[in-house]
């Protein structure tokens, strides 16, 4: 964070009501100094990268609040791009997904923290302050997920999936077809089918129904059958 200046935040989320809510939380609860200022907003992954570039990366920003489920280029892809181009810029991931599903993956990809969108507003403000100051924000639920990941055997089930495989996994279990996934990720349908085959093999499932059950178990933190 730049000394003696406001904490400048970029919010990347495709839902206006969420962005407005975050702006209100940061404005109402962040009694400074330093104060928090929303320096920019973005609705898609591509817009996040454009806004960050326009603001000069860490020269004009202190924190990026980034939703995972962005249209087009999703939040995990954007996180990787931000870490590559502006490694000094902290990224705090936001999601409606449970910590057990995504927190560990986000931290491994370089996020400074992971926040569930239902988090207490005071916790959200505290998280922004912490990562802006160069720290990492780890909620109790995220800490539990990290401990479980460290204590478990090397990649099993959904945890063994690569980043791209996990993207396809998430979209398959959301009910999207191979063609729809290909259009969303910019992949040929046969490429998506290849990823699907790998996912089924790694998760030990035989079809999309079993894959959906695997995703449900993964969300609850239960071992794959």
Protein backbone atom coordinates (compact mmCIF):
# COMPACT_ATOMS: atom_id res chain seq x y z
CA UNK A 1 0.00 0.00 0.00
CA UNK A 2 1.23 3.50 -0.83
CA UNK A 3 2.05 5.52 2.28
CA UNK A 4 -0.20 8.35 3.51
CA UNK A 5 -2.85 7.71 0.87
CA UNK A 6 -6.29 6.17 0.69
CA UNK A 7 -6.64 2.45 0.02
CA UNK A 8 -7.67 2.37 -3.65
CA UNK A 9 -9.79 -0.65 -4.59
CA UNK A 10 -10.97 -2.10 -7.90
CA UNK A 11 -14.13 -4.24 -7.73
CA UNK A 12 -14.52 -6.95 -10.36
CA UNK A 13 -18.01 -8.50 -10.25
CA UNK A 14 -20.66 -8.93 -12.91
CA UNK A 15 -23.59 -8.11 -10.59
CA UNK A 16 -24.26 -4.42 -10.07
CA UNK A 17 -26.05 -5.03 -6.76
CA UNK A 18 -22.94 -6.77 -5.43
CA UNK A 19 -20.67 -3.92 -6.55
CA UNK A 20 -22.98 -1.34 -4.98
CA UNK A 21 -23.11 -3.34 -1.77
CA UNK A 22 -19.33 -3.61 -1.61
CA UNK A 23 -18.94 0.11 -2.23
CA UNK A 24 -21.34 0.83 0.61
CA UNK A 25 -19.52 -1.54 2.97
CA UNK A 26 -16.12 -0.07 2.17
CA UNK A 27 -17.40 3.48 2.43
CA UNK A 28 -19.50 3.10 5.59
CA UNK A 29 -17.30 0.88 7.71
CA UNK A 30 -13.79 1.82 6.65
CA UNK A 31 -13.32 4.67 9.10
CA UNK A 32 -9.75 5.77 8.39
CA UNK A 33 -7.13 6.71 8.18
CA UNK A 34 -6.54 5.46 5.62
CA UNK A 35 -9.93 5.71 3.97
CA UNK A 36 -11.04 3.29 1.26
CA UNK A 37 -11.84 4.54 -2.23
CA UNK A 38 -13.36 2.48 -5.04
CA UNK A 39 -11.11 3.55 -7.90
CA UNK A 40 -12.79 1.41 -10.53
CA UNK A 41 -15.36 -1.26 -11.34
CA UNK A 42 -15.49 -4.04 -13.91
CA UNK A 43 -18.13 -6.56 -14.98
CA UNK A 44 -16.00 -9.07 -16.91
CA UNK A 45 -12.55 -10.58 -16.67
CA UNK A 46 -11.36 -8.62 -19.69
CA UNK A 47 -12.63 -5.38 -18.16
CA UNK A 48 -10.78 -6.10 -14.91
CA UNK A 49 -7.48 -6.39 -16.79
CA UNK A 50 -8.23 -3.26 -18.81
CA UNK A 51 -9.13 -1.22 -15.71
CA UNK A 52 -6.05 -2.37 -13.80
CA UNK A 53 -3.84 -1.44 -16.75
CA UNK A 54 -5.53 1.95 -17.11
CA UNK A 55 -4.92 2.66 -13.43
CA UNK A 56 -1.26 1.67 -13.64
CA UNK A 57 -1.42 -1.54 -11.63
CA UNK A 58 0.00 -1.09 -8.12
CA UNK A 59 0.86 2.54 -8.92
CA UNK A 60 -2.84 3.42 -8.89
CA UNK A 61 -4.37 0.54 -6.94
CA UNK A 62 -3.85 -1.16 -3.59
CA UNK A 63 -6.27 -4.10 -3.83
CA UNK A 64 -8.35 -5.89 -6.45
CA UNK A 65 -11.57 -7.46 -5.15
CA UNK A 66 -12.22 -10.19 -7.71
CA UNK A 67 -15.22 -12.47 -8.15
CA UNK A 68 -14.47 -16.03 -9.27
CA UNK A 69 -17.54 -16.48 -11.48
CA UNK A 70 -17.02 -13.72 -14.04
CA UNK A 71 -18.49 -14.05 -17.54
CA UNK A 72 -16.05 -14.84 -20.32
CA UNK A 73 -12.62 -15.07 -18.75
CA UNK A 74 -13.28 -16.29 -15.22
CA UNK A 75 -11.76 -14.96 -12.02
CA UNK A 76 -9.13 -17.66 -11.68
CA UNK A 77 -7.79 -16.92 -15.16
CA UNK A 78 -7.79 -13.21 -14.38
CA UNK A 79 -6.01 -13.87 -11.08
CA UNK A 80 -3.22 -15.66 -12.92
CA UNK A 81 -2.94 -12.84 -15.45
CA UNK A 82 -2.79 -10.22 -12.69
CA UNK A 83 -0.15 -12.15 -10.77
CA UNK A 84 1.96 -12.46 -13.90
CA UNK A 85 1.73 -8.83 -14.98
CA UNK A 86 1.50 -7.07 -11.59
CA UNK A 87 2.87 -9.45 -8.94
CA UNK A 88 2.97 -6.68 -6.32
CA UNK A 89 -0.80 -5.99 -6.60
CA UNK A 90 -2.80 -7.92 -3.96
CA UNK A 91 -5.88 -9.77 -5.20
CA UNK A 92 -8.62 -10.71 -2.75
CA UNK A 93 -10.95 -13.32 -4.23
CA UNK A 94 -14.72 -13.15 -3.68
CA UNK A 95 -17.09 -16.04 -4.17
CA UNK A 96 -20.39 -17.65 -3.26
CA UNK A 97 -18.61 -21.01 -3.33
CA UNK A 98 -17.63 -22.59 0.01
CA UNK A 99 -14.01 -22.25 1.11
CA UNK A 100 -13.60 -26.03 0.82
CA UNK A 101 -14.17 -25.75 -2.93
CA UNK A 102 -12.01 -22.81 -3.99
CA UNK A 103 -9.99 -21.19 -1.21
CA UNK A 104 -6.98 -23.51 -1.48
CA UNK A 105 -6.94 -23.28 -5.26
CA UNK A 106 -7.04 -19.47 -5.11
CA UNK A 107 -4.23 -19.26 -2.56
CA UNK A 108 -2.10 -21.63 -4.64
CA UNK A 109 -2.64 -19.37 -7.66
CA UNK A 110 -1.36 -16.38 -5.72
CA UNK A 111 -4.43 -14.73 -4.20
CA UNK A 112 -3.78 -12.70 -1.06
CA UNK A 113 -6.98 -14.04 0.46
CA UNK A 114 -10.39 -15.58 -0.11
CA UNK A 115 -13.68 -14.11 1.10
CA UNK A 116 -17.13 -15.64 0.94
CA UNK A 117 -19.70 -13.06 -0.16
CA UNK A 118 -21.71 -13.75 2.99
CA UNK A 119 -18.78 -12.64 5.16
CA UNK A 120 -19.43 -10.12 7.91
CA UNK A 121 -18.88 -6.58 6.56
CA UNK A 122 -16.35 -5.84 9.31
CA UNK A 123 -14.39 -8.95 8.28
CA UNK A 124 -14.45 -7.77 4.68
CA UNK A 125 -13.07 -4.36 5.59
CA UNK A 126 -10.44 -6.01 7.78
CA UNK A 127 -9.45 -8.32 4.94
CA UNK A 128 -9.02 -5.41 2.51
CA UNK A 129 -6.89 -3.51 5.02
CA UNK A 130 -4.74 -6.53 5.72
CA UNK A 131 -3.94 -7.43 2.11
CA UNK A 132 -3.46 -3.76 1.19
CA UNK A 133 -0.77 -3.62 3.88
CA UNK A 134 1.00 -6.61 2.34
CA UNK A 135 -0.48 -9.36 4.48
CA UNK A 136 -2.66 -12.36 3.71
CA UNK A 137 -6.24 -12.79 4.82
CA UNK A 138 -7.15 -16.31 5.92
CA UNK A 139 -10.58 -16.85 7.46
CA UNK A 140 -11.08 -19.74 9.90
CA UNK A 141 -12.87 -21.72 7.17
CA UNK A 142 -10.03 -21.08 4.71
CA UNK A 143 -7.46 -22.06 7.33
CA UNK A 144 -9.34 -25.31 7.85
CA UNK A 145 -9.39 -25.98 4.10
CA UNK A 146 -5.65 -25.27 3.84
CA UNK A 147 -4.91 -27.58 6.77
CA UNK A 148 -7.00 -30.33 5.20
CA UNK A 149 -5.18 -29.90 1.89
CA UNK A 150 -1.77 -30.11 3.58
CA UNK A 151 -2.80 -33.12 5.61
CA UNK A 152 -4.40 -35.07 2.78
CA UNK A 153 -2.70 -37.37 0.35
CA UNK A 154 -1.41 -35.85 -2.87
CA UNK A 155 -4.16 -34.74 -5.21
CA UNK A 156 -7.23 -36.89 -5.16
CA UNK A 157 -10.54 -36.46 -6.93
CA UNK A 158 -11.42 -32.87 -7.78
CA UNK A 159 -8.30 -31.65 -5.97
CA UNK A 160 -6.14 -33.42 -8.58
CA UNK A 161 -7.57 -31.41 -11.47
CA UNK A 162 -5.50 -28.83 -13.30
CA UNK A 163 -6.75 -25.26 -13.50
CA UNK A 164 -8.34 -25.76 -16.94
CA UNK A 165 -9.78 -29.14 -15.95
CA UNK A 166 -11.31 -27.54 -12.87
CA UNK A 167 -12.91 -24.84 -15.03
CA UNK A 168 -14.50 -27.51 -17.23
CA UNK A 169 -15.45 -29.53 -14.13
CA UNK A 170 -17.28 -26.56 -12.61
CA UNK A 171 -19.18 -25.82 -15.82
CA UNK A 172 -20.08 -29.47 -16.42
CA UNK A 173 -21.49 -29.81 -12.92
CA UNK A 174 -23.44 -26.57 -13.47
CA UNK A 175 -25.27 -28.36 -16.29
CA UNK A 176 -23.55 -26.78 -19.30
CA UNK A 177 -23.03 -28.81 -22.46
CA UNK A 178 -19.70 -29.47 -24.14
CA UNK A 179 -20.57 -26.94 -26.86
CA UNK A 180 -21.59 -24.29 -24.32
CA UNK A 181 -18.39 -24.81 -22.35
CA UNK A 182 -16.31 -24.59 -25.51
CA UNK A 183 -17.95 -21.27 -26.45
CA UNK A 184 -17.45 -19.86 -22.95
CA UNK A 185 -13.80 -20.90 -22.62
CA UNK A 186 -12.82 -20.40 -26.25
CA UNK A 187 -12.10 -24.09 -26.78
CA UNK A 188 -13.06 -26.51 -29.55
CA UNK A 189 -15.77 -29.00 -28.50
CA UNK A 190 -13.41 -31.95 -29.01
CA UNK A 191 -10.91 -30.29 -26.69
CA UNK A 192 -13.60 -29.92 -24.04
CA UNK A 193 -14.50 -33.59 -24.54
CA UNK A 194 -10.85 -34.51 -23.94
CA UNK A 195 -10.85 -32.50 -20.70
CA UNK A 196 -14.11 -34.18 -19.71
CA UNK A 197 -12.56 -37.62 -20.21
CA UNK A 198 -9.58 -36.66 -18.04
CA UNK A 199 -11.90 -35.28 -15.36
CA UNK A 200 -13.95 -38.48 -15.26
CA UNK A 201 -10.75 -40.52 -14.94
CA UNK A 202 -9.24 -38.36 -12.19
CA UNK A 203 -12.46 -38.21 -10.18
CA UNK A 204 -13.25 -41.90 -10.65
CA UNK A 205 -16.67 -41.13 -12.13
CA UNK A 206 -18.39 -42.62 -15.17
CA UNK A 207 -20.82 -39.94 -16.31
CA UNK A 208 -22.08 -36.43 -15.65
CA UNK A 209 -24.53 -37.59 -12.97
CA UNK A 210 -21.75 -39.20 -10.95
CA UNK A 211 -19.62 -36.14 -11.60
CA UNK A 212 -22.31 -33.89 -10.11
CA UNK A 213 -22.45 -36.12 -7.02
CA UNK A 214 -18.66 -35.90 -6.79
CA UNK A 215 -18.89 -32.09 -6.91
CA UNK A 216 -21.48 -32.13 -4.13
CA UNK A 217 -19.25 -34.30 -1.94
CA UNK A 218 -16.29 -32.04 -2.70
CA UNK A 219 -18.27 -28.98 -1.65
CA UNK A 220 -19.07 -30.64 1.67
CA UNK A 221 -15.48 -31.74 2.17
CA UNK A 222 -16.32 -35.45 2.06
CA UNK A 223 -13.97 -37.94 0.42
CA UNK A 224 -14.82 -39.20 -3.04
CA UNK A 225 -16.47 -42.62 -3.09
